[in-house]
């Protein structure tokens, strides 16, 4: 498998660029919402104590699309590392 774009067909390059554009648009449209969701999940940490990690994993697993779930998960990790 080559990662050099020069070795890929125009169709493959266009598909890659379209995917990057889709992901960027998803990120732009959902960044603020993902931060709000992550803050909500992080806010439950003191209430749920030792079961919080498992609960957060369950909550994030229910989010769609998977790319959005990853955004929320990264933000929860960031918030957790600040404490």
Protein backbone atom coordinates (compact mmCIF):
# COMPACT_ATOMS: atom_id res chain seq x y z
CA UNK A 1 0.00 0.00 0.00
CA UNK A 2 1.46 3.31 -1.07
CA UNK A 3 0.75 6.55 0.75
CA UNK A 4 2.36 8.63 -1.98
CA UNK A 5 -0.44 10.44 -3.78
CA UNK A 6 1.56 10.41 -7.02
CA UNK A 7 1.23 6.62 -7.03
CA UNK A 8 -2.56 6.75 -6.78
CA UNK A 9 -5.05 7.12 -9.58
CA UNK A 10 -6.96 10.38 -9.99
CA UNK A 11 -10.08 8.60 -8.79
CA UNK A 12 -8.35 7.46 -5.59
CA UNK A 13 -6.95 10.94 -4.98
CA UNK A 14 -10.35 12.53 -5.51
CA UNK A 15 -11.99 10.04 -3.16
CA UNK A 16 -9.39 10.81 -0.51
CA UNK A 17 -9.90 14.54 -0.89
CA UNK A 18 -13.68 14.13 -0.71
CA UNK A 19 -13.32 12.14 2.52
CA UNK A 20 -11.04 14.79 4.03
CA UNK A 21 -13.56 17.49 3.09
CA UNK A 22 -16.42 15.47 4.62
CA UNK A 23 -14.52 14.98 7.87
CA UNK A 24 -13.53 18.64 8.05
CA UNK A 25 -17.14 19.71 7.53
CA UNK A 26 -18.32 17.27 10.21
CA UNK A 27 -15.67 18.64 12.58
CA UNK A 28 -16.66 22.26 11.90
CA UNK A 29 -20.36 21.59 12.35
CA UNK A 30 -19.99 19.55 15.54
CA UNK A 31 -17.03 20.99 17.43
CA UNK A 32 -19.07 23.10 19.85
CA UNK A 33 -21.68 20.38 20.37
CA UNK A 34 -18.96 17.81 21.10
CA UNK A 35 -17.48 20.11 23.76
CA UNK A 36 -20.90 20.54 25.37
CA UNK A 37 -21.51 16.78 25.38
CA UNK A 38 -18.05 16.11 26.79
CA UNK A 39 -18.55 18.67 29.55
CA UNK A 40 -21.89 17.05 30.42
CA UNK A 41 -20.25 13.62 30.63
CA UNK A 42 -17.30 14.95 32.61
CA UNK A 43 -19.71 16.69 34.98
CA UNK A 44 -20.98 13.29 36.06
CA UNK A 45 -17.55 12.18 37.32
CA UNK A 46 -18.07 13.19 40.96
CA UNK A 47 -21.55 11.64 41.07
CA UNK A 48 -20.60 8.31 39.49
CA UNK A 49 -17.17 8.00 41.16
CA UNK A 50 -15.52 4.65 40.41
CA UNK A 51 -18.07 3.64 37.78
CA UNK A 52 -17.65 6.84 35.80
CA UNK A 53 -15.10 5.44 33.29
CA UNK A 54 -17.35 2.56 32.33
CA UNK A 55 -20.41 4.83 32.16
CA UNK A 56 -18.61 7.31 29.88
CA UNK A 57 -17.53 4.50 27.54
CA UNK A 58 -21.13 3.35 27.29
CA UNK A 59 -22.40 6.86 26.63
CA UNK A 60 -19.78 7.58 23.96
CA UNK A 61 -20.46 4.23 22.27
CA UNK A 62 -24.07 5.30 21.73
CA UNK A 63 -23.10 8.48 19.87
CA UNK A 64 -23.27 8.60 16.10
CA UNK A 65 -21.62 8.97 13.71
CA UNK A 66 -18.44 7.29 14.99
CA UNK A 67 -16.38 10.34 14.03
CA UNK A 68 -18.52 12.47 16.34
CA UNK A 69 -18.14 9.92 19.14
CA UNK A 70 -14.36 10.20 18.71
CA UNK A 71 -14.56 13.98 19.01
CA UNK A 72 -16.47 13.68 22.29
CA UNK A 73 -14.11 11.00 23.60
CA UNK A 74 -11.04 13.15 22.86
CA UNK A 75 -12.60 16.14 24.61
CA UNK A 76 -13.51 14.04 27.68
CA UNK A 77 -9.89 12.82 27.81
CA UNK A 78 -8.65 16.40 27.54
CA UNK A 79 -10.92 17.56 30.36
CA UNK A 80 -9.91 14.61 32.51
CA UNK A 81 -6.20 15.27 32.01
CA UNK A 82 -6.57 18.86 33.26
CA UNK A 83 -7.57 17.71 36.73
